[in-house]
Amino acid sequence: MAILKIARMGNPILLQRCEPVPDPSAPEIRRLVADMLETMEEAPGVGLAAPQVYVPLRIFVFRVPGNRGGTEPVPSTVIINPTIEPVGEEIGLNWEGCLSIPEMRGVVPRHIAIRYSGVDRDGAPISGEASRFHARVMQHEYDHLDGILYTMRMTDFRYFGFNEELDKIAERENEARRQPQQASA
């Protein structure tokens, strides 16, 4: 297995629609998937799509740590030739980052719940529903397969910036909340 180089925003591969994988169990696809999983873990990230490692195929890998947004943990998962559709109309706003846009994050609207299907690395059908953080991660990675970066989904750029600066703001706000309230006479 190998750690793959991650394409960054500005590289044209991130803006193209990816092709379906003709044989999900082909040795080169198995190798790519293994390398993508290792790269995602090493980065560290919670998702990685094939175009992010310069391969324009409809594959993504993801995981959901147990401490994220009250969502149940999901182990590292591979989905090839995925389809995703919303379940209901409810949209939620939350922060997202991306390995292709390092050191930055922004608030992105996403469907709260989705239904998905595709195949695994053996070509066996997989399907299910996801909600909250799990659904957000899958939608983010799926967008990569259509040449869409999370910044293209943002609706308010006041909520976009470098992690370091946003962390400073959050720390100041947390500190202010910890201060006792002054009573006015």
N, C-alpha and C. Protein backbone atom coordinates (compact mmCIF):
# COMPACT_ATOMS: atom_id res chain seq x y z
N MET A 1 0.85 -1.18 0.00
CA MET A 1 0.00 0.00 0.00
C MET A 1 0.89 1.24 0.00
N ALA A 2 0.30 2.36 -0.40
CA ALA A 2 1.07 3.60 -0.51
C ALA A 2 0.21 4.79 -0.13
N ILE A 3 0.89 5.82 0.38
CA ILE A 3 0.23 7.10 0.64
C ILE A 3 0.23 7.86 -0.69
N LEU A 4 -0.94 8.29 -1.12
CA LEU A 4 -1.09 8.99 -2.40
C LEU A 4 -1.05 10.49 -2.20
N LYS A 5 -0.61 11.20 -3.24
CA LYS A 5 -0.62 12.66 -3.22
C LYS A 5 -2.06 13.14 -3.41
N ILE A 6 -2.43 14.14 -2.64
CA ILE A 6 -3.80 14.68 -2.69
C ILE A 6 -3.83 15.95 -3.53
N ALA A 7 -4.71 15.97 -4.53
CA ALA A 7 -4.89 17.14 -5.39
C ALA A 7 -5.51 18.26 -4.56
N ARG A 8 -5.02 19.48 -4.80
CA ARG A 8 -5.56 20.63 -4.06
C ARG A 8 -6.41 21.49 -4.98
N MET A 9 -7.29 22.29 -4.32
CA MET A 9 -8.18 23.19 -5.05
C MET A 9 -7.38 23.98 -6.07
N GLY A 10 -7.90 24.06 -7.27
CA GLY A 10 -7.22 24.70 -8.38
C GLY A 10 -6.81 23.69 -9.43
N ASN A 11 -6.61 22.42 -9.02
CA ASN A 11 -6.27 21.38 -9.98
C ASN A 11 -7.53 21.00 -10.75
N PRO A 12 -7.47 20.99 -12.08
CA PRO A 12 -8.66 20.72 -12.89
C PRO A 12 -9.31 19.36 -12.65
N ILE A 13 -8.57 18.38 -12.15
CA ILE A 13 -9.19 17.06 -11.93
C ILE A 13 -10.32 17.14 -10.90
N LEU A 14 -10.23 18.11 -10.00
CA LEU A 14 -11.27 18.26 -8.97
C LEU A 14 -12.56 18.86 -9.51
N LEU A 15 -12.54 19.32 -10.75
CA LEU A 15 -13.71 19.98 -11.33
C LEU A 15 -14.39 19.14 -12.41
N GLN A 16 -13.91 17.93 -12.63
CA GLN A 16 -14.51 17.11 -13.68
C GLN A 16 -15.41 16.01 -13.11
N ARG A 17 -16.38 15.62 -13.92
CA ARG A 17 -17.26 14.51 -13.54
C ARG A 17 -16.51 13.21 -13.79
N CYS A 18 -16.55 12.32 -12.81
CA CYS A 18 -15.80 11.07 -12.89
C CYS A 18 -16.57 9.99 -13.65
N GLU A 19 -15.82 9.04 -14.17
CA GLU A 19 -16.39 7.92 -14.92
C GLU A 19 -16.73 6.76 -13.99
N PRO A 20 -17.77 5.97 -14.33
CA PRO A 20 -18.07 4.78 -13.54
C PRO A 20 -16.92 3.77 -13.60
N VAL A 21 -16.83 2.95 -12.59
CA VAL A 21 -15.83 1.89 -12.52
C VAL A 21 -16.42 0.66 -13.21
N PRO A 22 -15.81 0.19 -14.32
CA PRO A 22 -16.39 -0.95 -15.03
C PRO A 22 -16.30 -2.27 -14.26
N ASP A 23 -15.19 -2.50 -13.56
CA ASP A 23 -15.01 -3.75 -12.81
C ASP A 23 -14.50 -3.43 -11.41
N PRO A 24 -15.41 -3.29 -10.44
CA PRO A 24 -15.00 -2.92 -9.08
C PRO A 24 -14.03 -3.88 -8.41
N SER A 25 -13.99 -5.14 -8.86
CA SER A 25 -13.10 -6.11 -8.23
C SER A 25 -11.78 -6.28 -8.97
N ALA A 26 -11.52 -5.45 -9.97
CA ALA A 26 -10.26 -5.54 -10.71
C ALA A 26 -9.08 -5.26 -9.77
N PRO A 27 -7.95 -5.93 -9.99
CA PRO A 27 -6.79 -5.75 -9.10
C PRO A 27 -6.34 -4.30 -8.97
N GLU A 28 -6.38 -3.53 -10.04
CA GLU A 28 -5.94 -2.13 -9.95
C GLU A 28 -6.91 -1.29 -9.11
N ILE A 29 -8.19 -1.65 -9.12
CA ILE A 29 -9.17 -0.95 -8.29
C ILE A 29 -8.97 -1.34 -6.82
N ARG A 30 -8.72 -2.61 -6.56
CA ARG A 30 -8.44 -3.05 -5.18
C ARG A 30 -7.22 -2.33 -4.62
N ARG A 31 -6.19 -2.20 -5.44
CA ARG A 31 -4.96 -1.51 -5.03
C ARG A 31 -5.25 -0.03 -4.75
N LEU A 32 -6.01 0.60 -5.66
CA LEU A 32 -6.38 2.00 -5.48
C LEU A 32 -7.16 2.20 -4.19
N VAL A 33 -8.14 1.34 -3.94
CA VAL A 33 -8.96 1.45 -2.73
C VAL A 33 -8.10 1.29 -1.48
N ALA A 34 -7.21 0.32 -1.47
CA ALA A 34 -6.32 0.12 -0.31
C ALA A 34 -5.46 1.36 -0.08
N ASP A 35 -4.94 1.93 -1.16
CA ASP A 35 -4.11 3.14 -1.04
C ASP A 35 -4.94 4.34 -0.58
N MET A 36 -6.18 4.43 -1.07
CA MET A 36 -7.05 5.53 -0.64
C MET A 36 -7.36 5.44 0.85
N LEU A 37 -7.64 4.23 1.33
CA LEU A 37 -7.93 4.05 2.76
C LEU A 37 -6.71 4.43 3.59
N GLU A 38 -5.54 4.00 3.17
CA GLU A 38 -4.32 4.34 3.91
C GLU A 38 -4.07 5.85 3.87
N THR A 39 -4.29 6.47 2.73
CA THR A 39 -4.09 7.91 2.60
C THR A 39 -5.07 8.68 3.47
N MET A 40 -6.34 8.26 3.49
CA MET A 40 -7.35 8.93 4.32
C MET A 40 -6.95 8.85 5.80
N GLU A 41 -6.52 7.69 6.25
CA GLU A 41 -6.13 7.52 7.65
C GLU A 41 -4.91 8.37 7.98
N GLU A 42 -3.95 8.39 7.09
CA GLU A 42 -2.70 9.12 7.33
C GLU A 42 -2.91 10.62 7.33
N ALA A 43 -3.86 11.13 6.55
CA ALA A 43 -4.03 12.58 6.34
C ALA A 43 -4.16 13.43 7.60
N PRO A 44 -4.89 13.18 8.62
CA PRO A 44 -6.02 12.27 8.73
C PRO A 44 -7.29 12.95 8.23
N GLY A 45 -8.16 12.15 7.63
CA GLY A 45 -9.43 12.66 7.15
C GLY A 45 -10.54 11.69 7.46
N VAL A 46 -11.77 12.11 7.17
CA VAL A 46 -12.92 11.22 7.35
C VAL A 46 -13.48 10.76 6.01
N GLY A 47 -12.92 11.25 4.92
CA GLY A 47 -13.36 10.83 3.60
C GLY A 47 -12.32 11.18 2.56
N LEU A 48 -12.37 10.45 1.45
CA LEU A 48 -11.45 10.71 0.34
C LEU A 48 -12.08 10.13 -0.92
N ALA A 49 -12.15 10.96 -1.95
CA ALA A 49 -12.71 10.53 -3.24
C ALA A 49 -11.57 10.33 -4.24
N ALA A 50 -11.78 9.41 -5.18
CA ALA A 50 -10.74 9.08 -6.16
C ALA A 50 -10.17 10.31 -6.90
N PRO A 51 -10.99 11.28 -7.32
CA PRO A 51 -10.39 12.42 -8.01
C PRO A 51 -9.42 13.22 -7.13
N GLN A 52 -9.57 13.11 -5.81
CA GLN A 52 -8.64 13.81 -4.91
C GLN A 52 -7.25 13.19 -4.96
N VAL A 53 -7.14 11.96 -5.48
CA VAL A 53 -5.83 11.33 -5.65
C VAL A 53 -5.55 11.13 -7.14
N TYR A 54 -6.10 12.04 -7.95
CA TYR A 54 -5.82 12.13 -9.38
C TYR A 54 -6.36 10.97 -10.21
N VAL A 55 -7.43 10.33 -9.74
CA VAL A 55 -8.04 9.22 -10.49
C VAL A 55 -9.51 9.57 -10.72
N PRO A 56 -9.90 9.85 -11.97
CA PRO A 56 -11.27 10.31 -12.24
C PRO A 56 -12.29 9.18 -12.34
N LEU A 57 -12.39 8.39 -11.25
CA LEU A 57 -13.35 7.29 -11.19
C LEU A 57 -14.32 7.51 -10.03
N ARG A 58 -15.50 6.90 -10.13
CA ARG A 58 -16.57 7.09 -9.14
C ARG A 58 -16.37 6.14 -7.95
N ILE A 59 -15.42 6.51 -7.10
CA ILE A 59 -15.09 5.76 -5.89
C ILE A 59 -14.86 6.76 -4.77
N PHE A 60 -15.38 6.44 -3.58
CA PHE A 60 -14.93 7.17 -2.41
C PHE A 60 -14.87 6.24 -1.21
N VAL A 61 -14.05 6.65 -0.25
CA VAL A 61 -13.91 5.94 1.01
C VAL A 61 -14.24 6.93 2.12
N PHE A 62 -14.73 6.41 3.24
CA PHE A 62 -15.05 7.31 4.34
C PHE A 62 -15.09 6.52 5.64
N ARG A 63 -15.13 7.25 6.75
CA ARG A 63 -15.31 6.67 8.07
C ARG A 63 -16.00 7.73 8.92
N VAL A 64 -16.68 7.29 9.96
CA VAL A 64 -17.33 8.22 10.88
C VAL A 64 -16.83 7.90 12.28
N PRO A 65 -15.98 8.75 12.83
CA PRO A 65 -15.55 8.54 14.22
C PRO A 65 -16.75 8.68 15.15
N GLY A 66 -16.71 7.98 16.27
CA GLY A 66 -17.83 7.97 17.19
C GLY A 66 -18.11 9.28 17.89
N ASN A 67 -17.19 10.21 17.85
CA ASN A 67 -17.37 11.46 18.59
C ASN A 67 -17.86 12.60 17.70
N ARG A 68 -18.40 12.31 16.54
CA ARG A 68 -18.78 13.36 15.60
C ARG A 68 -20.28 13.56 15.51
N GLY A 69 -20.75 14.65 16.06
CA GLY A 69 -22.12 15.09 15.90
C GLY A 69 -23.18 14.10 16.36
N GLY A 70 -22.87 13.30 17.36
CA GLY A 70 -23.86 12.37 17.88
C GLY A 70 -24.19 11.22 16.95
N THR A 71 -23.39 11.04 15.90
CA THR A 71 -23.62 9.97 14.94
C THR A 71 -22.92 8.70 15.41
N GLU A 72 -23.55 7.57 15.19
CA GLU A 72 -22.91 6.29 15.51
C GLU A 72 -21.64 6.14 14.66
N PRO A 73 -20.60 5.53 15.22
CA PRO A 73 -19.38 5.33 14.44
C PRO A 73 -19.62 4.39 13.26
N VAL A 74 -18.92 4.67 12.17
CA VAL A 74 -18.95 3.82 10.99
C VAL A 74 -17.49 3.52 10.65
N PRO A 75 -17.13 2.24 10.53
CA PRO A 75 -15.74 1.92 10.20
C PRO A 75 -15.42 2.35 8.77
N SER A 76 -14.15 2.33 8.42
CA SER A 76 -13.74 2.68 7.07
C SER A 76 -14.55 1.86 6.06
N THR A 77 -15.14 2.58 5.12
CA THR A 77 -16.08 2.00 4.17
C THR A 77 -15.72 2.44 2.76
N VAL A 78 -15.92 1.56 1.80
CA VAL A 78 -15.67 1.83 0.38
C VAL A 78 -17.01 1.79 -0.34
N ILE A 79 -17.24 2.78 -1.20
CA ILE A 79 -18.44 2.73 -2.04
C ILE A 79 -18.03 3.11 -3.47
N ILE A 80 -18.36 2.20 -4.38
CA ILE A 80 -17.99 2.34 -5.79
C ILE A 80 -19.27 2.53 -6.60
N ASN A 81 -19.21 3.43 -7.56
CA ASN A 81 -20.36 3.77 -8.41
C ASN A 81 -21.59 4.10 -7.56
N PRO A 82 -21.43 5.03 -6.61
CA PRO A 82 -22.54 5.34 -5.70
C PRO A 82 -23.65 6.16 -6.34
N THR A 83 -24.82 6.03 -5.75
CA THR A 83 -25.92 6.96 -5.99
C THR A 83 -26.36 7.44 -4.61
N ILE A 84 -26.79 8.69 -4.57
CA ILE A 84 -27.26 9.28 -3.32
C ILE A 84 -28.51 10.08 -3.63
N GLU A 85 -29.51 9.96 -2.76
CA GLU A 85 -30.71 10.78 -2.90
C GLU A 85 -31.14 11.23 -1.51
N PRO A 86 -31.68 12.44 -1.43
CA PRO A 86 -32.13 12.93 -0.13
C PRO A 86 -33.33 12.15 0.40
N VAL A 87 -33.42 12.08 1.72
CA VAL A 87 -34.59 11.54 2.40
C VAL A 87 -35.22 12.73 3.10
N GLY A 88 -36.35 13.18 2.60
CA GLY A 88 -36.99 14.37 3.16
C GLY A 88 -36.36 15.64 2.60
N GLU A 89 -36.87 16.75 3.09
CA GLU A 89 -36.46 18.06 2.60
C GLU A 89 -35.56 18.81 3.58
N GLU A 90 -35.36 18.26 4.78
CA GLU A 90 -34.65 19.00 5.83
C GLU A 90 -33.17 19.20 5.47
N ILE A 91 -32.74 20.46 5.57
CA ILE A 91 -31.36 20.85 5.29
C ILE A 91 -30.75 21.36 6.59
N GLY A 92 -29.50 21.01 6.82
CA GLY A 92 -28.79 21.50 7.99
C GLY A 92 -27.51 22.21 7.58
N LEU A 93 -27.12 23.18 8.38
CA LEU A 93 -25.86 23.89 8.16
C LEU A 93 -24.83 23.38 9.15
N ASN A 94 -23.62 23.13 8.66
CA ASN A 94 -22.54 22.73 9.56
C ASN A 94 -21.20 22.97 8.88
N TRP A 95 -20.16 22.95 9.70
CA TRP A 95 -18.81 23.19 9.21
C TRP A 95 -18.29 21.98 8.45
N GLU A 96 -17.54 22.25 7.37
CA GLU A 96 -16.86 21.21 6.61
C GLU A 96 -15.46 21.68 6.28
N GLY A 97 -14.57 20.71 6.20
CA GLY A 97 -13.23 20.93 5.71
C GLY A 97 -12.98 19.92 4.60
N CYS A 98 -11.82 20.00 3.98
CA CYS A 98 -11.53 19.10 2.86
C CYS A 98 -10.02 18.94 2.74
N LEU A 99 -9.60 17.71 2.50
CA LEU A 99 -8.17 17.46 2.32
C LEU A 99 -7.62 18.19 1.09
N SER A 100 -8.48 18.54 0.14
CA SER A 100 -8.05 19.27 -1.05
C SER A 100 -8.05 20.78 -0.85
N ILE A 101 -8.55 21.23 0.29
CA ILE A 101 -8.54 22.65 0.65
C ILE A 101 -7.98 22.72 2.07
N PRO A 102 -6.68 22.43 2.21
CA PRO A 102 -6.11 22.27 3.55
C PRO A 102 -6.17 23.54 4.39
N GLU A 103 -6.33 23.32 5.68
CA GLU A 103 -6.27 24.37 6.69
C GLU A 103 -7.42 25.38 6.63
N MET A 104 -8.50 25.03 5.93
CA MET A 104 -9.65 25.92 5.83
C MET A 104 -10.92 25.13 6.11
N ARG A 105 -11.99 25.85 6.48
CA ARG A 105 -13.30 25.23 6.62
C ARG A 105 -14.37 26.29 6.40
N GLY A 106 -15.58 25.79 6.13
CA GLY A 106 -16.70 26.68 5.91
C GLY A 106 -18.00 25.99 6.27
N VAL A 107 -19.06 26.78 6.40
CA VAL A 107 -20.39 26.26 6.72
C VAL A 107 -21.11 25.95 5.41
N VAL A 108 -21.61 24.71 5.32
CA VAL A 108 -22.20 24.20 4.09
C VAL A 108 -23.59 23.64 4.37
N PRO A 109 -24.59 23.99 3.55
CA PRO A 109 -25.91 23.36 3.69
C PRO A 109 -25.89 21.96 3.07
N ARG A 110 -26.46 21.00 3.78
CA ARG A 110 -26.56 19.62 3.29
C ARG A 110 -27.87 19.01 3.77
N HIS A 111 -28.34 18.01 3.05
CA HIS A 111 -29.51 17.25 3.50
C HIS A 111 -29.15 16.54 4.80
N ILE A 112 -30.08 16.51 5.73
CA ILE A 112 -29.87 15.86 7.03
C ILE A 112 -29.82 14.34 6.88
N ALA A 113 -30.61 13.80 5.95
CA ALA A 113 -30.66 12.35 5.76
C ALA A 113 -30.62 12.02 4.27
N ILE A 114 -29.97 10.90 3.96
CA ILE A 114 -29.86 10.45 2.57
C ILE A 114 -30.07 8.94 2.50
N ARG A 115 -30.35 8.49 1.31
CA ARG A 115 -30.38 7.07 0.97
C ARG A 115 -29.27 6.88 -0.07
N TYR A 116 -28.50 5.80 0.08
CA TYR A 116 -27.39 5.58 -0.84
C TYR A 116 -27.37 4.13 -1.33
N SER A 117 -26.72 3.93 -2.46
CA SER A 117 -26.47 2.58 -2.97
C SER A 117 -25.21 2.62 -3.82
N GLY A 118 -24.67 1.47 -4.07
CA GLY A 118 -23.46 1.31 -4.85
C GLY A 118 -22.99 -0.12 -4.70
N VAL A 119 -21.69 -0.32 -4.90
CA VAL A 119 -21.10 -1.64 -4.69
C VAL A 119 -19.85 -1.49 -3.84
N ASP A 120 -19.49 -2.59 -3.18
CA ASP A 120 -18.26 -2.56 -2.39
C ASP A 120 -17.07 -3.01 -3.25
N ARG A 121 -15.93 -3.19 -2.63
CA ARG A 121 -14.72 -3.52 -3.40
C ARG A 121 -14.77 -4.92 -4.01
N ASP A 122 -15.73 -5.76 -3.60
CA ASP A 122 -15.91 -7.09 -4.21
C ASP A 122 -16.98 -7.06 -5.29
N GLY A 123 -17.59 -5.90 -5.49
CA GLY A 123 -18.66 -5.79 -6.48
C GLY A 123 -20.02 -6.15 -5.93
N ALA A 124 -20.11 -6.42 -4.62
CA ALA A 124 -21.39 -6.76 -3.99
C ALA A 124 -22.21 -5.49 -3.75
N PRO A 125 -23.51 -5.55 -4.02
CA PRO A 125 -24.35 -4.37 -3.80
C PRO A 125 -24.39 -3.97 -2.32
N ILE A 126 -24.37 -2.66 -2.09
CA ILE A 126 -24.55 -2.13 -0.74
C ILE A 126 -25.54 -0.98 -0.84
N SER A 127 -26.31 -0.82 0.21
CA SER A 127 -27.27 0.29 0.24
C SER A 127 -27.64 0.56 1.68
N GLY A 128 -28.21 1.72 1.91
CA GLY A 128 -28.63 2.06 3.25
C GLY A 128 -29.06 3.50 3.34
N GLU A 129 -29.27 3.94 4.57
CA GLU A 129 -29.59 5.33 4.84
C GLU A 129 -28.57 5.86 5.82
N ALA A 130 -28.32 7.15 5.73
CA ALA A 130 -27.38 7.82 6.62
C ALA A 130 -28.01 9.13 7.05
N SER A 131 -27.64 9.58 8.25
CA SER A 131 -28.14 10.87 8.72
C SER A 131 -27.02 11.63 9.41
N ARG A 132 -27.27 12.91 9.60
CA ARG A 132 -26.39 13.83 10.31
C ARG A 132 -24.97 13.82 9.74
N PHE A 133 -23.96 13.64 10.59
CA PHE A 133 -22.57 13.72 10.14
C PHE A 133 -22.26 12.65 9.09
N HIS A 134 -22.79 11.45 9.29
CA HIS A 134 -22.59 10.36 8.33
C HIS A 134 -23.09 10.79 6.94
N ALA A 135 -24.29 11.35 6.88
CA ALA A 135 -24.85 11.81 5.61
C ALA A 135 -24.04 12.95 5.03
N ARG A 136 -23.57 13.85 5.88
CA ARG A 136 -22.77 15.00 5.43
C ARG A 136 -21.48 14.53 4.77
N VAL A 137 -20.79 13.58 5.40
CA VAL A 137 -19.53 13.07 4.84
C VAL A 137 -19.79 12.43 3.48
N MET A 138 -20.82 11.61 3.39
CA MET A 138 -21.11 10.94 2.12
C MET A 138 -21.47 11.94 1.02
N GLN A 139 -22.25 12.97 1.35
CA GLN A 139 -22.61 13.98 0.35
C GLN A 139 -21.38 14.75 -0.11
N HIS A 140 -20.50 15.08 0.83
CA HIS A 140 -19.27 15.80 0.51
C HIS A 140 -18.43 14.99 -0.48
N GLU A 141 -18.23 13.70 -0.17
CA GLU A 141 -17.41 12.85 -1.05
C GLU A 141 -18.09 12.61 -2.39
N TYR A 142 -19.39 12.42 -2.36
CA TYR A 142 -20.14 12.22 -3.61
C TYR A 142 -20.00 13.44 -4.52
N ASP A 143 -20.06 14.63 -3.93
CA ASP A 143 -19.88 15.85 -4.72
C ASP A 143 -18.56 15.84 -5.48
N HIS A 144 -17.49 15.33 -4.85
CA HIS A 144 -16.20 15.25 -5.53
C HIS A 144 -16.30 14.47 -6.84
N LEU A 145 -17.15 13.46 -6.87
CA LEU A 145 -17.29 12.62 -8.07
C LEU A 145 -17.96 13.38 -9.21
N ASP A 146 -18.63 14.48 -8.88
CA ASP A 146 -19.27 15.32 -9.90
C ASP A 146 -18.53 16.64 -10.11
N GLY A 147 -17.32 16.75 -9.56
CA GLY A 147 -16.52 17.96 -9.76
C GLY A 147 -16.97 19.13 -8.92
N ILE A 148 -17.58 18.86 -7.77
CA ILE A 148 -18.09 19.93 -6.90
C ILE A 148 -17.29 19.95 -5.60
N LEU A 149 -16.74 21.11 -5.27
CA LEU A 149 -16.06 21.31 -4.00
C LEU A 149 -17.04 21.95 -3.02
N TYR A 150 -16.82 21.73 -1.72
CA TYR A 150 -17.78 22.25 -0.74
C TYR A 150 -17.94 23.76 -0.82
N THR A 151 -16.90 24.46 -1.24
CA THR A 151 -17.00 25.92 -1.37
C THR A 151 -18.07 26.32 -2.38
N MET A 152 -18.32 25.47 -3.36
CA MET A 152 -19.33 25.76 -4.38
C MET A 152 -20.74 25.64 -3.82
N ARG A 153 -20.89 24.98 -2.69
CA ARG A 153 -22.20 24.81 -2.05
C ARG A 153 -22.45 25.87 -0.97
N MET A 154 -21.43 26.60 -0.58
CA MET A 154 -21.57 27.58 0.49
C MET A 154 -22.50 28.72 0.07
N THR A 155 -23.24 29.23 1.05
CA THR A 155 -24.17 30.32 0.77
C THR A 155 -23.80 31.61 1.50
N ASP A 156 -22.88 31.53 2.45
CA ASP A 156 -22.50 32.72 3.24
C ASP A 156 -21.01 32.65 3.55
N PHE A 157 -20.22 33.42 2.84
CA PHE A 157 -18.77 33.35 2.98
C PHE A 157 -18.25 34.06 4.23
N ARG A 158 -19.13 34.60 5.06
CA ARG A 158 -18.70 35.07 6.37
C ARG A 158 -18.27 33.88 7.22
N TYR A 159 -18.77 32.70 6.88
CA TYR A 159 -18.46 31.48 7.62
C TYR A 159 -17.51 30.59 6.83
N PHE A 160 -16.41 31.19 6.40
CA PHE A 160 -15.37 30.49 5.65
C PHE A 160 -14.04 31.11 6.05
N GLY A 161 -13.08 30.29 6.39
CA GLY A 161 -11.79 30.85 6.75
C GLY A 161 -10.78 29.79 7.10
N PHE A 162 -9.62 30.27 7.51
CA PHE A 162 -8.54 29.39 7.93
C PHE A 162 -8.85 28.82 9.30
N ASN A 163 -8.60 27.55 9.50
CA ASN A 163 -8.87 26.88 10.78
C ASN A 163 -8.27 27.65 11.95
N GLU A 164 -7.05 28.09 11.81
CA GLU A 164 -6.36 28.78 12.91
C GLU A 164 -7.13 30.04 13.34
N GLU A 165 -7.60 30.81 12.38
CA GLU A 165 -8.34 32.04 12.70
C GLU A 165 -9.71 31.71 13.29
N LEU A 166 -10.39 30.73 12.70
CA LEU A 166 -11.71 30.35 13.21
C LEU A 166 -11.61 29.76 14.61
N ASP A 167 -10.54 29.02 14.88
CA ASP A 167 -10.33 28.47 16.23
C ASP A 167 -10.12 29.59 17.25
N LYS A 168 -9.41 30.64 16.87
CA LYS A 168 -9.22 31.79 17.78
C LYS A 168 -10.56 32.44 18.12
N ILE A 169 -11.40 32.62 17.12
CA ILE A 169 -12.72 33.23 17.35
C ILE A 169 -13.54 32.34 18.28
N ALA A 170 -13.54 31.05 18.01
CA ALA A 170 -14.31 30.12 18.85
C ALA A 170 -13.80 30.14 20.29
N GLU A 171 -12.48 30.20 20.47
CA GLU A 171 -11.92 30.23 21.82
C GLU A 171 -12.33 31.51 22.55
N ARG A 172 -12.31 32.66 21.85
CA ARG A 172 -12.74 33.92 22.47
C ARG A 172 -14.21 33.85 22.87
N GLU A 173 -15.04 33.27 22.01
CA GLU A 173 -16.46 33.14 22.33
C GLU A 173 -16.67 32.20 23.52
N ASN A 174 -15.93 31.11 23.57
CA ASN A 174 -16.03 30.19 24.71
C ASN A 174 -15.57 30.86 26.00
N GLU A 175 -14.51 31.64 25.92
CA GLU A 175 -14.01 32.35 27.10
C GLU A 175 -15.05 33.36 27.59
N ALA A 176 -15.68 34.07 26.67
CA ALA A 176 -16.70 35.04 27.04
C ALA A 176 -17.89 34.36 27.73
N ARG A 177 -18.25 33.18 27.29
CA ARG A 177 -19.35 32.44 27.92
C ARG A 177 -18.99 31.97 29.32
N ARG A 178 -17.71 31.73 29.56
CA ARG A 178 -17.28 31.26 30.88
C ARG A 178 -17.19 32.41 31.90
N GLN A 179 -17.12 33.65 31.41
CA GLN A 179 -17.04 34.81 32.32
C GLN A 179 -18.39 35.03 32.99
N PRO A 180 -18.40 35.36 34.31
CA PRO A 180 -19.67 35.66 34.97
C PRO A 180 -20.30 36.90 34.34
N GLN A 181 -21.60 36.86 34.24
CA GLN A 181 -22.32 38.00 33.65
C GLN A 181 -22.32 39.17 34.64
N GLN A 182 -22.05 40.36 34.13
CA GLN A 182 -22.08 41.58 34.94
C GLN A 182 -23.53 42.01 35.12
N ALA A 183 -23.90 42.27 36.34
CA ALA A 183 -25.24 42.77 36.61
C ALA A 183 -25.26 44.27 36.41
N SER A 184 -26.27 44.76 35.74
CA SER A 184 -26.38 46.21 35.57
C SER A 184 -27.36 46.76 36.59
N ALA A 185 -27.03 47.94 37.11
CA ALA A 185 -27.87 48.54 38.17
C ALA A 185 -28.81 49.57 37.58
